[in-house]
Amino acid sequence: MYNKIWGRIPAKDLERAKTIFQWILCSLSLLSLDAIQVAIAVSSTTGALKHAGIKRKIPYDVSGDLLGLFGPLVKIDAFVDVSHPSSSV
């Protein structure tokens, strides 16, 4: 099942998907959608971090983005979590 889900992630999104999934798995507490939005924006900003530059890179629909990448591997409400117990640490 996991291989099938990971296999449908486009090659251009694979590194981003791995990074985000690691954040979700390794976080000491559940991550909010806001926290993931900021993390995505900061991680995709290079050079000097400028508030305006980060703000432009925050995904508009992070929930849809995560569901598009991970499908049933994640559950999303106010927080993002792994949906299947065998994939949590």
C-alpha atoms as a PDB file:
ATOM      1  CA  MET A   1       0.000   0.000   0.000  1.00  0.00           C
ATOM      2  CA  TYR A   2       2.725   2.482   0.961  1.00  0.00           C
ATOM      3  CA  ASN A   3       4.746   1.774  -2.167  1.00  0.00           C
ATOM      4  CA  LYS A   4       1.655   2.373  -4.298  1.00  0.00           C
ATOM      5  CA  ILE A   5       1.014   5.760  -2.656  1.00  0.00           C
ATOM      6  CA  TRP A   6       4.677   6.827  -2.851  1.00  0.00           C
ATOM      7  CA  GLY A   7       4.837   5.557  -6.424  1.00  0.00           C
ATOM      8  CA  ARG A   8       2.158   7.966  -7.593  1.00  0.00           C
ATOM      9  CA  ILE A   9       3.999  11.051  -6.280  1.00  0.00           C
ATOM     10  CA  PRO A  10       5.528  12.823  -9.304  1.00  0.00           C
ATOM     11  CA  ALA A  11       9.331  12.757  -9.403  1.00  0.00           C
ATOM     12  CA  LYS A  12       9.455  16.565  -9.241  1.00  0.00           C
ATOM     13  CA  ASP A  13       7.584  16.460  -5.876  1.00  0.00           C
ATOM     14  CA  LEU A  14       9.323  13.466  -4.317  1.00  0.00           C
ATOM     15  CA  GLU A  15      12.011  15.317  -2.326  1.00  0.00           C
ATOM     16  CA  ARG A  16       9.454  17.811  -1.004  1.00  0.00           C
ATOM     17  CA  ALA A  17       7.109  14.950  -0.062  1.00  0.00           C
ATOM     18  CA  LYS A  18       9.898  13.095   1.773  1.00  0.00           C
ATOM     19  CA  THR A  19      10.851  16.232   3.706  1.00  0.00           C
ATOM     20  CA  ILE A  20       7.284  17.056   4.721  1.00  0.00           C
ATOM     21  CA  PHE A  21       6.552  13.452   5.708  1.00  0.00           C
ATOM     22  CA  GLN A  22       9.698  13.409   7.863  1.00  0.00           C
ATOM     23  CA  TRP A  23       8.473  16.557   9.630  1.00  0.00           C
ATOM     24  CA  ILE A  24       5.122  14.888  10.303  1.00  0.00           C
ATOM     25  CA  LEU A  25       6.692  11.649  11.553  1.00  0.00           C
ATOM     26  CA  CYS A  26       9.491  13.153  13.638  1.00  0.00           C
ATOM     27  CA  SER A  27       7.683  16.048  15.265  1.00  0.00           C
ATOM     28  CA  LEU A  28       7.467  15.769  19.054  1.00  0.00           C
ATOM     29  CA  SER A  29       3.907  17.049  18.868  1.00  0.00           C
ATOM     30  CA  LEU A  30       1.266  17.201  16.172  1.00  0.00           C
ATOM     31  CA  LEU A  31       1.908  19.898  13.584  1.00  0.00           C
ATOM     32  CA  SER A  32      -0.789  22.399  12.762  1.00  0.00           C
ATOM     33  CA  LEU A  33      -1.532  23.314   9.165  1.00  0.00           C
ATOM     34  CA  ASP A  34      -0.142  26.780   9.920  1.00  0.00           C
ATOM     35  CA  ALA A  35       3.145  25.290  11.160  1.00  0.00           C
ATOM     36  CA  ILE A  36       3.499  23.181   8.034  1.00  0.00           C
ATOM     37  CA  GLN A  37       2.686  26.179   5.820  1.00  0.00           C
ATOM     38  CA  VAL A  38       5.459  28.215   7.433  1.00  0.00           C
ATOM     39  CA  ALA A  39       7.916  25.294   7.318  1.00  0.00           C
ATOM     40  CA  ILE A  40       7.262  24.810   3.597  1.00  0.00           C
ATOM     41  CA  ALA A  41       7.721  28.524   2.949  1.00  0.00           C
ATOM     42  CA  VAL A  42      10.938  28.768   4.954  1.00  0.00           C
ATOM     43  CA  SER A  43      12.432  25.595   3.491  1.00  0.00           C
ATOM     44  CA  SER A  44      11.761  26.778  -0.066  1.00  0.00           C
ATOM     45  CA  THR A  45      13.278  30.231   0.483  1.00  0.00           C
ATOM     46  CA  THR A  46      16.951  30.577  -0.299  1.00  0.00           C
ATOM     47  CA  GLY A  47      19.373  33.302   0.681  1.00  0.00           C
ATOM     48  CA  ALA A  48      18.380  36.011   3.118  1.00  0.00           C
ATOM     49  CA  LEU A  49      14.966  35.304   4.564  1.00  0.00           C
ATOM     50  CA  LYS A  50      12.732  38.227   3.875  1.00  0.00           C
ATOM     51  CA  HIS A  51       9.228  38.388   5.310  1.00  0.00           C
ATOM     52  CA  ALA A  52       7.653  39.227   1.949  1.00  0.00           C
ATOM     53  CA  GLY A  53       9.560  36.436   0.200  1.00  0.00           C
ATOM     54  CA  ILE A  54       8.412  33.876   2.726  1.00  0.00           C
ATOM     55  CA  LYS A  55       4.839  35.113   2.619  1.00  0.00           C
ATOM     56  CA  ARG A  56       4.703  34.630  -1.168  1.00  0.00           C
ATOM     57  CA  LYS A  57       5.888  31.033  -0.839  1.00  0.00           C
ATOM     58  CA  ILE A  58       3.282  29.928   1.718  1.00  0.00           C
ATOM     59  CA  PRO A  59       1.013  27.399  -0.008  1.00  0.00           C
ATOM     60  CA  TYR A  60      -2.519  28.723  -0.358  1.00  0.00           C
ATOM     61  CA  ASP A  61      -4.198  25.324   0.084  1.00  0.00           C
ATOM     62  CA  VAL A  62      -1.754  23.356   2.203  1.00  0.00           C
ATOM     63  CA  SER A  63      -4.451  20.845   3.167  1.00  0.00           C
ATOM     64  CA  GLY A  64      -5.160  20.075  -0.496  1.00  0.00           C
ATOM     65  CA  ASP A  65      -1.431  19.978  -1.224  1.00  0.00           C
ATOM     66  CA  LEU A  66      -0.827  17.421   1.534  1.00  0.00           C
ATOM     67  CA  LEU A  67      -3.783  15.275   0.494  1.00  0.00           C
ATOM     68  CA  GLY A  68      -2.592  15.430  -3.113  1.00  0.00           C
ATOM     69  CA  LEU A  69       0.876  14.253  -2.104  1.00  0.00           C
ATOM     70  CA  PHE A  70       0.039  11.685   0.559  1.00  0.00           C
ATOM     71  CA  GLY A  71      -3.578  10.694   0.019  1.00  0.00           C
ATOM     72  CA  PRO A  72      -4.702   8.327   2.767  1.00  0.00           C
ATOM     73  CA  LEU A  73      -1.305   8.325   4.534  1.00  0.00           C
ATOM     74  CA  VAL A  74      -2.221  11.498   6.430  1.00  0.00           C
ATOM     75  CA  LYS A  75      -5.266  12.720   8.266  1.00  0.00           C
ATOM     76  CA  ILE A  76      -5.862  16.426   8.377  1.00  0.00           C
ATOM     77  CA  ASP A  77      -8.021  18.530  10.631  1.00  0.00           C
ATOM     78  CA  ALA A  78      -6.582  21.328  12.784  1.00  0.00           C
ATOM     79  CA  PHE A  79      -3.435  19.200  12.934  1.00  0.00           C
ATOM     80  CA  VAL A  80      -1.694  16.839  10.545  1.00  0.00           C
ATOM     81  CA  ASP A  81      -1.034  13.273  11.605  1.00  0.00           C
ATOM     82  CA  VAL A  82      -0.194   9.935  10.053  1.00  0.00           C
ATOM     83  CA  SER A  83      -3.416   8.043   9.432  1.00  0.00           C
ATOM     84  CA  HIS A  84      -2.122   4.505   9.836  1.00  0.00           C
ATOM     85  CA  PRO A  85      -0.521   3.392  13.127  1.00  0.00           C
ATOM     86  CA  SER A  86       2.092   1.237  11.378  1.00  0.00           C
ATOM     87  CA  SER A  87       3.643   4.339   9.821  1.00  0.00           C
ATOM     88  CA  SER A  88       4.078   6.327  13.035  1.00  0.00           C
ATOM     89  CA  VAL A  89       7.260   6.248  15.083  1.00  0.00           C
END
